[in-house]
Amino acid sequence: MRLSELGGKEIVDVKKAERLGVLGQTDLEIDEKTGQIKALIIPSMKWFGLKRQGGEVRVPWNHIKKIGTDMVIIDVVDEE
């Protein structure tokens, strides 16, 4: 899958059943040596995505469960 094909897909947390953001509004953490994506960095938004809250959610690539035609399903491990 190409990076351009990921743009515009909604990111949904399967455990919380909530929308975290849209790919294209997120940052990618990329390994400089291999060029592989290590994680998605999703900014926390409010007011329908118009204003940042300041925080962010880091989702390691291995927590992505499924990439579908419209959305990316993730399973974020709860921090103890």
C-alpha atoms as a PDB file:
ATOM      1  CA  MET A   1       0.000   0.000   0.000  1.00  0.00           C
ATOM      2  CA  ARG A   2       1.265   3.454  -0.860  1.00  0.00           C
ATOM      3  CA  LEU A   3       1.337   6.335   1.588  1.00  0.00           C
ATOM      4  CA  SER A   4      -0.939   8.342  -0.720  1.00  0.00           C
ATOM      5  CA  GLU A   5      -3.614   5.620  -0.359  1.00  0.00           C
ATOM      6  CA  LEU A   6      -3.676   6.097   3.437  1.00  0.00           C
ATOM      7  CA  GLY A   7      -4.657   9.775   3.273  1.00  0.00           C
ATOM      8  CA  GLY A   8      -8.219  10.643   4.282  1.00  0.00           C
ATOM      9  CA  LYS A   9      -8.912   7.415   6.179  1.00  0.00           C
ATOM     10  CA  GLU A  10     -10.478   7.769   9.632  1.00  0.00           C
ATOM     11  CA  ILE A  11      -8.554   6.326  12.574  1.00  0.00           C
ATOM     12  CA  VAL A  12     -10.811   4.394  14.969  1.00  0.00           C
ATOM     13  CA  ASP A  13      -9.859   2.840  18.321  1.00  0.00           C
ATOM     14  CA  VAL A  14     -11.555  -0.579  18.505  1.00  0.00           C
ATOM     15  CA  LYS A  15     -11.615  -0.736  22.350  1.00  0.00           C
ATOM     16  CA  LYS A  16     -13.042   2.726  22.962  1.00  0.00           C
ATOM     17  CA  ALA A  17     -15.113   2.764  19.761  1.00  0.00           C
ATOM     18  CA  GLU A  18     -14.097   6.346  19.118  1.00  0.00           C
ATOM     19  CA  ARG A  19     -12.711   8.302  16.196  1.00  0.00           C
ATOM     20  CA  LEU A  20      -9.196   9.587  16.893  1.00  0.00           C
ATOM     21  CA  GLY A  21      -8.576  11.542  13.721  1.00  0.00           C
ATOM     22  CA  VAL A  22      -8.027  11.361  10.001  1.00  0.00           C
ATOM     23  CA  LEU A  23      -4.839  10.265   8.295  1.00  0.00           C
ATOM     24  CA  GLY A  24      -3.475  13.351   6.648  1.00  0.00           C
ATOM     25  CA  GLN A  25      -4.004  15.326   9.854  1.00  0.00           C
ATOM     26  CA  THR A  26      -1.527  13.049  11.626  1.00  0.00           C
ATOM     27  CA  ASP A  27       2.249  12.824  11.674  1.00  0.00           C
ATOM     28  CA  LEU A  28       4.252   9.710  10.927  1.00  0.00           C
ATOM     29  CA  GLU A  29       7.266   8.545  12.890  1.00  0.00           C
ATOM     30  CA  ILE A  30       9.621   6.996  10.342  1.00  0.00           C
ATOM     31  CA  ASP A  31      12.775   4.953  10.957  1.00  0.00           C
ATOM     32  CA  GLU A  32      15.558   6.907   9.252  1.00  0.00           C
ATOM     33  CA  LYS A  33      17.601   3.790   8.469  1.00  0.00           C
ATOM     34  CA  THR A  34      14.916   1.532   6.987  1.00  0.00           C
ATOM     35  CA  GLY A  35      12.265   4.057   5.891  1.00  0.00           C
ATOM     36  CA  GLN A  36       9.546   2.036   7.624  1.00  0.00           C
ATOM     37  CA  ILE A  37       6.715   3.704   9.525  1.00  0.00           C
ATOM     38  CA  LYS A  38       7.202   3.177  13.270  1.00  0.00           C
ATOM     39  CA  ALA A  39       4.132   5.009  14.615  1.00  0.00           C
ATOM     40  CA  LEU A  40       1.270   7.381  13.930  1.00  0.00           C
ATOM     41  CA  ILE A  41       1.244  10.601  15.971  1.00  0.00           C
ATOM     42  CA  ILE A  42      -2.364  11.779  16.262  1.00  0.00           C
ATOM     43  CA  PRO A  43      -2.975  15.293  17.645  1.00  0.00           C
ATOM     44  CA  SER A  44      -5.816  15.685  20.158  1.00  0.00           C
ATOM     45  CA  MET A  45      -8.554  17.837  18.611  1.00  0.00           C
ATOM     46  CA  LYS A  46     -11.706  19.539  19.810  1.00  0.00           C
ATOM     47  CA  TRP A  47     -14.399  21.705  18.226  1.00  0.00           C
ATOM     48  CA  PHE A  48     -14.827  19.390  15.227  1.00  0.00           C
ATOM     49  CA  GLY A  49     -11.103  19.298  14.541  1.00  0.00           C
ATOM     50  CA  LEU A  50     -10.620  23.067  14.374  1.00  0.00           C
ATOM     51  CA  LYS A  51      -8.468  23.600  17.460  1.00  0.00           C
ATOM     52  CA  ARG A  52      -5.696  21.499  18.969  1.00  0.00           C
ATOM     53  CA  GLN A  53      -5.848  20.626  22.645  1.00  0.00           C
ATOM     54  CA  GLY A  54      -2.073  20.325  22.811  1.00  0.00           C
ATOM     55  CA  GLY A  55      -1.781  16.607  23.551  1.00  0.00           C
ATOM     56  CA  GLU A  56      -1.152  13.782  21.162  1.00  0.00           C
ATOM     57  CA  VAL A  57      -1.584  10.036  20.932  1.00  0.00           C
ATOM     58  CA  ARG A  58       1.308   7.888  19.683  1.00  0.00           C
ATOM     59  CA  VAL A  59       0.124   4.672  18.056  1.00  0.00           C
ATOM     60  CA  PRO A  60       2.883   2.147  17.275  1.00  0.00           C
ATOM     61  CA  TRP A  61       2.512   0.601  13.817  1.00  0.00           C
ATOM     62  CA  ASN A  62       2.089  -2.906  15.311  1.00  0.00           C
ATOM     63  CA  HIS A  63      -1.135  -1.729  17.040  1.00  0.00           C
ATOM     64  CA  ILE A  64      -2.845  -1.213  13.697  1.00  0.00           C
ATOM     65  CA  LYS A  65      -5.238  -4.137  13.281  1.00  0.00           C
ATOM     66  CA  LYS A  66      -6.856  -3.439   9.904  1.00  0.00           C
ATOM     67  CA  ILE A  67      -6.598  -0.892   7.111  1.00  0.00           C
ATOM     68  CA  GLY A  68      -9.886  -0.794   5.222  1.00  0.00           C
ATOM     69  CA  THR A  69     -11.197   1.304   2.354  1.00  0.00           C
ATOM     70  CA  ASP A  70     -12.514   4.076   4.640  1.00  0.00           C
ATOM     71  CA  MET A  71     -10.818   3.636   7.994  1.00  0.00           C
ATOM     72  CA  VAL A  72      -7.866   2.344   9.977  1.00  0.00           C
ATOM     73  CA  ILE A  73      -8.752   0.185  12.995  1.00  0.00           C
ATOM     74  CA  ILE A  74      -6.280   0.376  15.868  1.00  0.00           C
ATOM     75  CA  ASP A  75      -6.031  -1.378  19.228  1.00  0.00           C
ATOM     76  CA  VAL A  76      -4.189   0.881  21.674  1.00  0.00           C
ATOM     77  CA  VAL A  77      -2.894  -0.830  24.797  1.00  0.00           C
ATOM     78  CA  ASP A  78      -4.070   0.938  27.954  1.00  0.00           C
ATOM     79  CA  GLU A  79      -1.212   2.381  29.990  1.00  0.00           C
ATOM     80  CA  GLU A  80      -1.168   0.977  33.514  1.00  0.00           C
END
